[in-house]
Structure formats: structure tokens, C-alpha cells
Amino acid sequence: MFLDAALDDPAALETIDPVLRELAGWGAEVRRADAAAADALSRLGEDDRPRAVIAGGADGRLFRAVLEPVCPVPFVAWPHPGLPGWAGPLDLVVMMSVDGADEDAVMLVAEAVRRGCSLVVAGSPDSPVAVAAASRSTTLLPAATGDATALAVPVLRALHLLGLGPEVEAEPVAAALDDVAMRCAASNPVDANPAKEIALALADDVPVVWGGSVLAARAARRVAEALRAACGRPAIAGGDGQLVPLLERAPEADVFADPFEEGLPVARPSLLVLDDGADSPSIRLERDRVVGAAERSAVRVHEVRAAEGPDVGRFAALLSTGRFAAAYLALGLGRPAA
């Protein structure tokens, strides 16, 4: 059972203070990552344009989401070990490694060096990944943070300086995260705290998360992961093809159900819409399908909107709000917050 009162109880909130402090410091992590990479970034400029860009590791999809609409060359997110067979001296390989000892990352950058690829690598300078990536064609962005999203900002800045992506500045992203931290702070009561409101909305339900743009959809997947860990129930993110059938088949609500009775039906879904302000006919159509399915099945809909600032800042704001909500959801359910 969800304890609503815990969300405004100072003693209860104190138990998740370390998690909330970490989330509140996310903006500072972005600034720290940018400052550590400043010297390496200052040496970058547009050289010969690569034939293609290959972003290795799990975070390659984030880089693709930001660059793909504007990148002047083919951009491939490659979460697999090694490199595609065609990669060679004409191509640029991008690798971000928070865990500098990741074996797949070490193998990928070592293979890139053997094939003569250019590299942009973000990681600790003395890590196995940095050592394996060392070459005259490698730009190393020293990591001063263990947070992947914060470290992604200098990588995106590097790709812009190389003429391959949009301009991304650290300060607007950090400011967006600072704003979320202020609005979602533990001292703000439920009716003035968007993260606590989400926790209440999802208290007894199965979270279903939708984001329309490519970046919002990626934020939705990561928010769903955080909510899943927080509540110990399934949490689903996807497009209209996955979510509409699920919402349309939601079990009917039983207004007479006794919350203390054993053997209750499976919890109903609640829809969480992540809106980053991206607007196109296809996004509007998909949103209408998802929200319409929820409304027809009397499924509650809750929206988180981050429409100001740069694309990456809006992505980070949605993700941060979702992570705050996950911490409050875990608190209300009496589960460990992560």
C-alpha cells in the first residue's frame, strides 16, 4: 500500500536524502564534465569530414537521437562488440565509457585504432579504455563524472566542433537540471512538486510511459527503468504500436474493491506522457492514438512537459523529473530508493 503522507513527512524524506542530493547535483555534474573537457575541446575544429560516424556502446543511441536529423554523414549507433566490417580510416568512432574497464568498450576502441579510424573517447585518462584508444587520431575527453548523461554533453560539443552535429552548450543543460531540482525538492509539498504528483499518480498502477520525439522516447525508456526499480512492478515504455493495445485492454476499474482484500485483480496501467515540446504531424498523431486509447479505457493520464531550452536540456529535464518521481514512488511504497 502507498503511504501518501510519507511524501511530506520530514522524517521519511530524510531516508532518501542521499538519492535526492545526488539528483539535485546533476546540473553541477554537467558543469564539472564540461570543465574537465574544456582543454581538449579547445583544440578541436572541422577537419576532413569522415565518411561515417559510429557511436559505440549503449549511449550511442542518445548521440544518434541528437545528431541524426542534422549530421551531414551517415551516423550509426553500434551497441555491439567490435566494429561493423566496413569501418576503416575514413570513419570516426565515438565511445563514452563511464566504466573505463568495460571489456566491450576496450575491445571496440582497440579495434578502431588497429583499423586506423579517428576516435573521440570520453573516459578517465588512466582507464583501460583510454589506454587502448591512445593514438595520433584520438581525441580524449577526460571524464570528471561518473554520470553518463553529464559526460555526454562534452561529447556532443566535440561532435559539433567537428561539424557533425548541432551546437550543444553545457550551461543551458545544467540550468534545466537545476530548475528540475528546485521544483522537485523534498521541501516542496505534493501540490507544488511535479515529481511527488507523478509518484501519487502511479502509486498503485503499472506505469506506462510515452515520449513522442526520438529524445523524449529515449527519456521514456530510462524513466520506465527507474520506475520499474522503484515500484517492483512492470513499467513499460514504447510507441503507439506497443502501448495502444495494452491501454485498450486495461482491466476495468473496480470502485468497490477493498484495498486490504487478498487476490485483487492485476493493477491497472497509468499513462505518463513525456512532452519535450517537439511538434510534428506524426508526433501529434501518435500522441492522439496513445492518449485516446487511455481515455477510452478510463486510464489516468499524467503529463510532464519540458518545452524550454535546447533539445538535450529538455531530454535531461524529463529524465531528471522521472528519476525524482521514482525516488518518491519508492518512498511511498516503503521500498529502497536508487
Protein backbone atom coordinates (compact mmCIF):
# COMPACT_ATOMS: atom_id res chain seq x y z
CA MET A 1 0.00 0.00 0.00
CA PHE A 2 1.22 3.51 -0.84
CA LEU A 3 1.66 5.86 2.13
CA ASP A 4 0.74 9.28 0.78
CA ALA A 5 1.79 11.04 3.99
CA ALA A 6 5.40 9.89 3.59
CA LEU A 7 5.91 12.33 0.69
CA ASP A 8 5.58 15.31 3.04
CA ASP A 9 6.95 13.70 6.21
CA PRO A 10 10.41 15.17 7.04
CA ALA A 11 11.50 12.03 8.87
CA ALA A 12 10.51 9.77 5.98
CA LEU A 13 12.08 12.09 3.40
CA GLU A 14 15.32 12.04 5.35
CA THR A 15 15.69 8.33 4.48
CA ILE A 16 16.00 9.12 0.76
CA ASP A 17 18.06 12.29 1.23
CA PRO A 18 21.24 10.78 -0.32
CA VAL A 19 19.33 9.90 -3.50
CA LEU A 20 17.68 13.31 -3.69
CA ARG A 21 21.01 15.07 -3.15
CA GLU A 22 22.57 13.09 -5.97
CA LEU A 23 19.74 14.05 -8.30
CA ALA A 24 19.89 17.69 -7.19
CA GLY A 25 23.60 17.76 -8.05
CA TRP A 26 23.08 16.61 -11.64
CA GLY A 27 23.47 20.14 -13.01
CA ALA A 28 26.78 20.50 -11.19
CA GLU A 29 27.92 17.19 -12.71
CA VAL A 30 27.24 18.60 -16.20
CA ARG A 31 29.34 21.69 -15.43
CA ARG A 32 32.12 19.55 -13.97
CA ALA A 33 32.22 17.29 -17.03
CA ASP A 34 32.34 20.28 -19.36
CA ALA A 35 35.12 21.98 -17.41
CA ALA A 36 37.26 18.83 -17.39
CA ALA A 37 36.98 18.52 -21.18
CA ALA A 38 37.50 22.23 -21.95
CA ASP A 39 41.16 21.95 -22.93
CA ALA A 40 40.58 19.01 -25.28
CA LEU A 41 37.56 20.73 -26.82
CA SER A 42 39.53 23.91 -27.45
CA ARG A 43 41.83 22.00 -29.80
CA LEU A 44 39.04 20.68 -31.99
CA GLY A 45 37.96 22.11 -35.33
CA GLU A 46 36.42 20.99 -38.58
CA ASP A 47 38.92 18.78 -40.40
CA ASP A 48 38.22 16.48 -43.29
CA ARG A 49 34.69 15.22 -42.98
CA PRO A 50 34.54 11.50 -42.10
CA ARG A 51 32.73 9.07 -44.35
CA ALA A 52 30.55 7.96 -41.40
CA VAL A 53 30.25 8.26 -37.64
CA ILE A 54 29.99 5.11 -35.50
CA ALA A 55 28.87 5.61 -31.88
CA GLY A 56 29.72 2.57 -29.80
CA GLY A 57 28.20 1.40 -26.55
CA ALA A 58 24.74 1.73 -25.07
CA ASP A 59 24.83 5.54 -25.19
CA GLY A 60 25.30 5.58 -28.94
CA ARG A 61 21.53 5.80 -29.32
CA LEU A 62 21.47 9.10 -27.42
CA PHE A 63 24.07 10.58 -29.76
CA ARG A 64 22.14 9.29 -32.76
CA ALA A 65 18.94 10.87 -31.47
CA VAL A 66 20.64 14.27 -31.29
CA LEU A 67 22.78 14.08 -34.44
CA GLU A 68 20.80 12.04 -36.92
CA PRO A 69 18.49 14.88 -38.05
CA VAL A 70 21.41 17.17 -38.94
CA CYS A 71 24.56 15.06 -39.30
CA PRO A 72 25.97 15.54 -42.84
CA VAL A 73 27.28 11.96 -43.00
CA PRO A 74 25.73 8.57 -42.10
CA PHE A 75 25.51 8.05 -38.34
CA VAL A 76 25.40 4.55 -36.88
CA ALA A 77 24.67 3.65 -33.26
CA TRP A 78 26.59 0.41 -32.66
CA PRO A 79 25.87 -1.21 -29.27
CA HIS A 80 27.58 -4.46 -30.30
CA PRO A 81 31.11 -5.70 -29.52
CA GLY A 82 33.69 -4.72 -32.11
CA LEU A 83 33.01 -2.58 -35.16
CA PRO A 84 30.99 -3.08 -38.34
CA GLY A 85 33.05 -4.75 -41.05
CA TRP A 86 33.18 -1.68 -43.27
CA ALA A 87 34.67 0.68 -40.63
CA GLY A 88 38.10 2.00 -41.56
CA PRO A 89 40.44 5.02 -41.79
CA LEU A 90 37.76 7.24 -43.36
CA ASP A 91 35.40 6.87 -40.38
CA LEU A 92 35.04 8.42 -36.93
CA VAL A 93 34.36 6.24 -33.89
CA VAL A 94 32.78 7.76 -30.76
CA MET A 95 32.92 5.98 -27.43
CA MET A 96 31.84 7.18 -24.00
CA SER A 97 32.83 4.98 -21.10
CA VAL A 98 31.76 5.77 -17.55
CA ASP A 99 33.21 2.41 -16.54
CA GLY A 100 36.63 2.69 -18.12
CA ALA A 101 37.24 -1.03 -17.60
CA ASP A 102 34.28 -2.18 -19.73
CA GLU A 103 35.68 -5.01 -21.84
CA ASP A 104 33.44 -4.39 -24.85
CA ALA A 105 34.44 -0.71 -24.90
CA VAL A 106 38.12 -1.60 -24.63
CA MET A 107 37.82 -4.07 -27.50
CA LEU A 108 35.93 -1.59 -29.68
CA VAL A 109 38.40 1.29 -29.31
CA ALA A 110 41.38 -1.04 -29.71
CA GLU A 111 39.89 -2.35 -32.94
CA ALA A 112 39.25 1.22 -34.11
CA VAL A 113 42.92 2.07 -33.55
CA ARG A 114 44.03 -1.04 -35.48
CA ARG A 115 41.81 -0.08 -38.40
CA GLY A 116 43.08 3.48 -38.45
CA CYS A 117 39.78 5.15 -37.52
CA SER A 118 39.64 8.57 -35.94
CA LEU A 119 38.28 8.48 -32.40
CA VAL A 120 36.55 10.71 -29.87
CA VAL A 121 36.68 8.96 -26.50
CA ALA A 122 35.27 10.20 -23.18
CA GLY A 123 36.62 8.47 -20.11
CA SER A 124 39.12 8.57 -17.30
CA PRO A 125 42.62 9.27 -18.71
CA ASP A 126 44.18 6.32 -16.89
CA SER A 127 41.39 3.85 -17.65
CA PRO A 128 41.85 0.74 -19.83
CA VAL A 129 39.57 2.33 -22.46
CA ALA A 130 41.72 5.47 -22.68
CA VAL A 131 44.91 3.41 -22.84
CA ALA A 132 43.52 1.18 -25.61
CA ALA A 133 42.31 4.23 -27.57
CA ALA A 134 45.62 6.11 -27.50
CA SER A 135 46.69 7.16 -30.99
CA ARG A 136 47.51 10.27 -33.02
CA SER A 137 43.96 10.20 -34.36
CA THR A 138 42.29 10.07 -30.93
CA THR A 139 40.73 12.95 -29.02
CA LEU A 140 40.38 12.05 -25.35
CA LEU A 141 37.80 13.97 -23.33
CA PRO A 142 38.82 13.44 -19.68
CA ALA A 143 35.91 12.33 -17.50
CA ALA A 144 35.33 14.18 -14.24
CA THR A 145 31.99 12.50 -13.55
CA GLY A 146 30.52 9.03 -13.35
CA ASP A 147 27.19 10.17 -14.78
CA ALA A 148 26.61 9.14 -18.39
CA THR A 149 24.22 11.98 -19.27
CA ALA A 150 26.59 14.62 -17.88
CA LEU A 151 29.53 13.09 -19.75
CA ALA A 152 27.50 13.04 -22.97
CA VAL A 153 27.42 16.84 -23.07
CA PRO A 154 31.15 17.36 -23.87
CA VAL A 155 30.94 14.51 -26.39
CA LEU A 156 28.10 16.30 -28.16
CA ARG A 157 30.06 19.54 -28.01
CA ALA A 158 33.02 17.78 -29.63
CA LEU A 159 30.84 16.47 -32.44
CA HIS A 160 29.52 19.97 -33.05
CA LEU A 161 33.04 21.38 -33.21
CA LEU A 162 33.88 18.71 -35.77
CA GLY A 163 30.98 19.95 -37.91
CA LEU A 164 28.88 16.85 -37.36
CA GLY A 165 26.10 17.92 -35.00
CA PRO A 166 24.11 20.79 -33.53
CA GLU A 167 25.54 23.25 -31.06
CA VAL A 168 25.27 21.95 -27.50
CA GLU A 169 26.33 24.10 -24.56
CA ALA A 170 26.69 22.80 -21.04
CA GLU A 171 25.20 25.71 -19.11
CA PRO A 172 21.63 25.56 -20.53
CA VAL A 173 21.56 21.80 -19.85
CA ALA A 174 22.85 22.32 -16.31
CA ALA A 175 20.36 25.15 -15.74
CA ALA A 176 17.47 22.92 -16.86
CA LEU A 177 18.56 20.29 -14.35
CA ASP A 178 18.90 22.91 -11.59
CA ASP A 179 15.35 24.05 -12.32
CA VAL A 180 14.00 20.50 -12.01
CA ALA A 181 15.91 20.04 -8.75
CA MET A 182 14.30 23.17 -7.30
CA ARG A 183 10.77 22.22 -8.39
CA CYS A 184 11.12 18.60 -7.24
CA ALA A 185 12.88 19.30 -3.93
CA ALA A 186 11.71 17.38 -0.87
CA SER A 187 10.70 20.62 0.85
CA ASN A 188 8.05 21.31 -1.80
CA PRO A 189 4.66 19.82 -0.86
CA VAL A 190 2.84 17.38 -3.09
CA ASP A 191 0.61 20.00 -4.71
CA ALA A 192 3.65 22.06 -5.76
CA ASN A 193 6.03 19.24 -6.66
CA PRO A 194 5.67 17.58 -10.09
CA ALA A 195 7.70 14.52 -9.09
CA LYS A 196 5.59 13.85 -6.00
CA GLU A 197 2.46 14.27 -8.11
CA ILE A 198 3.74 11.60 -10.52
CA ALA A 199 4.51 9.27 -7.61
CA LEU A 200 0.96 9.65 -6.35
CA ALA A 201 -0.48 9.14 -9.83
CA LEU A 202 1.44 5.89 -10.23
CA ALA A 203 1.16 4.71 -6.64
CA ASP A 204 -0.92 1.58 -7.24
CA ASP A 205 -0.73 1.27 -11.01
CA VAL A 206 1.52 -0.11 -13.73
CA PRO A 207 3.49 2.80 -15.23
CA VAL A 208 3.16 3.16 -19.00
CA VAL A 209 5.49 5.86 -20.37
CA TRP A 210 5.32 7.51 -23.79
CA GLY A 211 7.51 10.16 -25.41
CA GLY A 212 6.85 11.47 -28.90
CA SER A 213 10.18 12.72 -30.23
CA VAL A 214 13.23 10.49 -30.54
CA LEU A 215 14.80 12.10 -27.48
CA ALA A 216 11.57 12.01 -25.46
CA ALA A 217 11.15 8.34 -26.37
CA ARG A 218 14.66 7.64 -25.10
CA ALA A 219 13.87 9.52 -21.89
CA ALA A 220 10.69 7.43 -21.59
CA ARG A 221 12.69 4.19 -21.70
CA ARG A 222 15.06 5.37 -18.99
CA VAL A 223 12.24 6.73 -16.82
CA ALA A 224 10.43 3.40 -17.16
CA GLU A 225 13.57 1.62 -15.96
CA ALA A 226 13.74 3.88 -12.89
CA LEU A 227 10.05 3.43 -12.10
CA ARG A 228 10.33 -0.34 -12.52
CA ALA A 229 13.11 -0.46 -9.96
CA ALA A 230 11.19 1.84 -7.63
CA CYS A 231 7.85 0.03 -7.55
CA GLY A 232 8.85 -3.58 -8.23
CA ARG A 233 6.12 -3.81 -10.86
CA PRO A 234 6.35 -3.85 -14.64
CA ALA A 235 6.90 -0.41 -16.19
CA ILE A 236 6.59 -0.12 -19.93
CA ALA A 237 7.81 2.42 -22.47
CA GLY A 238 7.17 2.30 -26.18
CA GLY A 239 5.43 3.75 -29.19
CA ASP A 240 1.79 3.66 -30.12
CA GLY A 241 2.15 0.21 -31.67
CA GLN A 242 3.13 -1.27 -28.29
CA LEU A 243 1.10 0.92 -25.94
CA VAL A 244 -2.29 1.31 -27.65
CA PRO A 245 -3.18 -2.43 -27.45
CA LEU A 246 -2.06 -2.53 -23.82
CA LEU A 247 -4.14 0.52 -22.88
CA GLU A 248 -7.19 -0.69 -24.79
CA ARG A 249 -7.08 -3.99 -22.90
CA ALA A 250 -6.75 -2.40 -19.46
CA PRO A 251 -8.92 -4.18 -16.90
CA GLU A 252 -11.96 -2.26 -15.76
CA ALA A 253 -11.59 -0.32 -12.54
CA ASP A 254 -13.46 -1.75 -9.56
CA VAL A 255 -14.55 1.23 -7.46
CA PHE A 256 -15.81 -1.13 -4.74
CA ALA A 257 -12.53 -3.06 -4.38
CA ASP A 258 -11.22 -3.40 -0.83
CA PRO A 259 -7.51 -2.42 -0.83
CA PHE A 260 -6.91 -4.80 2.10
CA GLU A 261 -8.53 -7.78 0.42
CA GLU A 262 -6.35 -10.60 -0.90
CA GLY A 263 -6.44 -11.71 -4.52
CA LEU A 264 -7.22 -8.38 -6.15
CA PRO A 265 -7.05 -8.13 -9.96
CA VAL A 266 -3.83 -7.06 -11.66
CA ALA A 267 -3.16 -3.34 -11.22
CA ARG A 268 -4.39 -1.04 -13.97
CA PRO A 269 -2.00 0.99 -16.08
CA SER A 270 -1.43 4.73 -15.71
CA LEU A 271 -0.10 6.66 -18.68
CA LEU A 272 2.81 9.07 -18.20
CA VAL A 273 3.32 11.36 -21.21
CA LEU A 274 6.76 12.96 -21.62
CA ASP A 275 6.44 16.06 -23.77
CA ASP A 276 9.65 17.84 -24.83
CA GLY A 277 7.84 20.39 -26.97
CA ALA A 278 8.71 18.67 -30.26
CA ASP A 279 5.80 19.12 -32.62
CA SER A 280 5.18 17.45 -35.94
CA PRO A 281 2.15 15.85 -37.61
CA SER A 282 3.48 12.35 -36.87
CA ILE A 283 4.09 13.12 -33.18
CA ARG A 284 0.64 14.69 -32.79
CA LEU A 285 -0.98 11.70 -34.49
CA GLU A 286 0.83 9.18 -32.27
CA ARG A 287 0.01 11.17 -29.14
CA ASP A 288 -3.67 11.26 -30.12
CA ARG A 289 -3.63 7.48 -30.57
CA VAL A 290 -1.97 6.78 -27.22
CA VAL A 291 -3.92 9.30 -25.15
CA GLY A 292 -7.17 8.40 -26.94
CA ALA A 293 -6.70 4.73 -26.08
CA ALA A 294 -6.09 5.66 -22.45
CA GLU A 295 -9.17 7.87 -22.28
CA ARG A 296 -11.40 5.24 -23.87
CA SER A 297 -10.30 2.78 -21.19
CA ALA A 298 -10.60 5.33 -18.34
CA VAL A 299 -6.83 5.10 -17.75
CA ARG A 300 -5.39 8.05 -15.89
CA VAL A 301 -3.07 10.30 -17.91
CA HIS A 302 -0.31 12.42 -16.35
CA GLU A 303 1.91 14.73 -18.37
CA VAL A 304 5.45 16.00 -17.79
CA ARG A 305 6.36 18.88 -20.07
CA ALA A 306 9.81 20.36 -20.70
CA ALA A 307 9.44 22.67 -23.67
CA GLU A 308 12.09 25.32 -22.93
CA GLY A 309 15.79 25.30 -23.76
CA PRO A 310 17.91 23.10 -26.04
CA ASP A 311 16.98 19.58 -27.10
CA VAL A 312 19.46 17.93 -24.74
CA GLY A 313 18.36 20.16 -21.86
CA ARG A 314 14.72 19.17 -22.37
CA PHE A 315 15.71 15.50 -22.53
CA ALA A 316 17.67 15.84 -19.30
CA ALA A 317 14.80 17.69 -17.60
CA LEU A 318 12.31 14.94 -18.46
CA LEU A 319 14.71 12.25 -17.30
CA SER A 320 15.53 14.08 -14.07
CA THR A 321 11.85 14.62 -13.24
CA GLY A 322 11.22 10.93 -13.82
CA ARG A 323 14.09 9.94 -11.56
CA PHE A 324 12.86 12.22 -8.77
CA ALA A 325 9.40 10.68 -9.19
CA ALA A 326 10.91 7.20 -8.91
CA ALA A 327 12.58 8.14 -5.62
CA TYR A 328 9.30 9.41 -4.16
CA LEU A 329 7.42 6.38 -5.50
CA ALA A 330 9.84 4.05 -3.74
CA LEU A 331 9.47 6.05 -0.54
CA GLY A 332 5.69 5.83 -0.59
CA LEU A 333 5.84 2.10 -1.21
CA GLY A 334 8.41 1.53 1.53
CA ARG A 335 10.99 0.29 -0.95
CA PRO A 336 14.69 1.28 -1.25
CA ALA A 337 15.24 4.32 -3.47
CA ALA A 338 18.02 4.04 -6.03
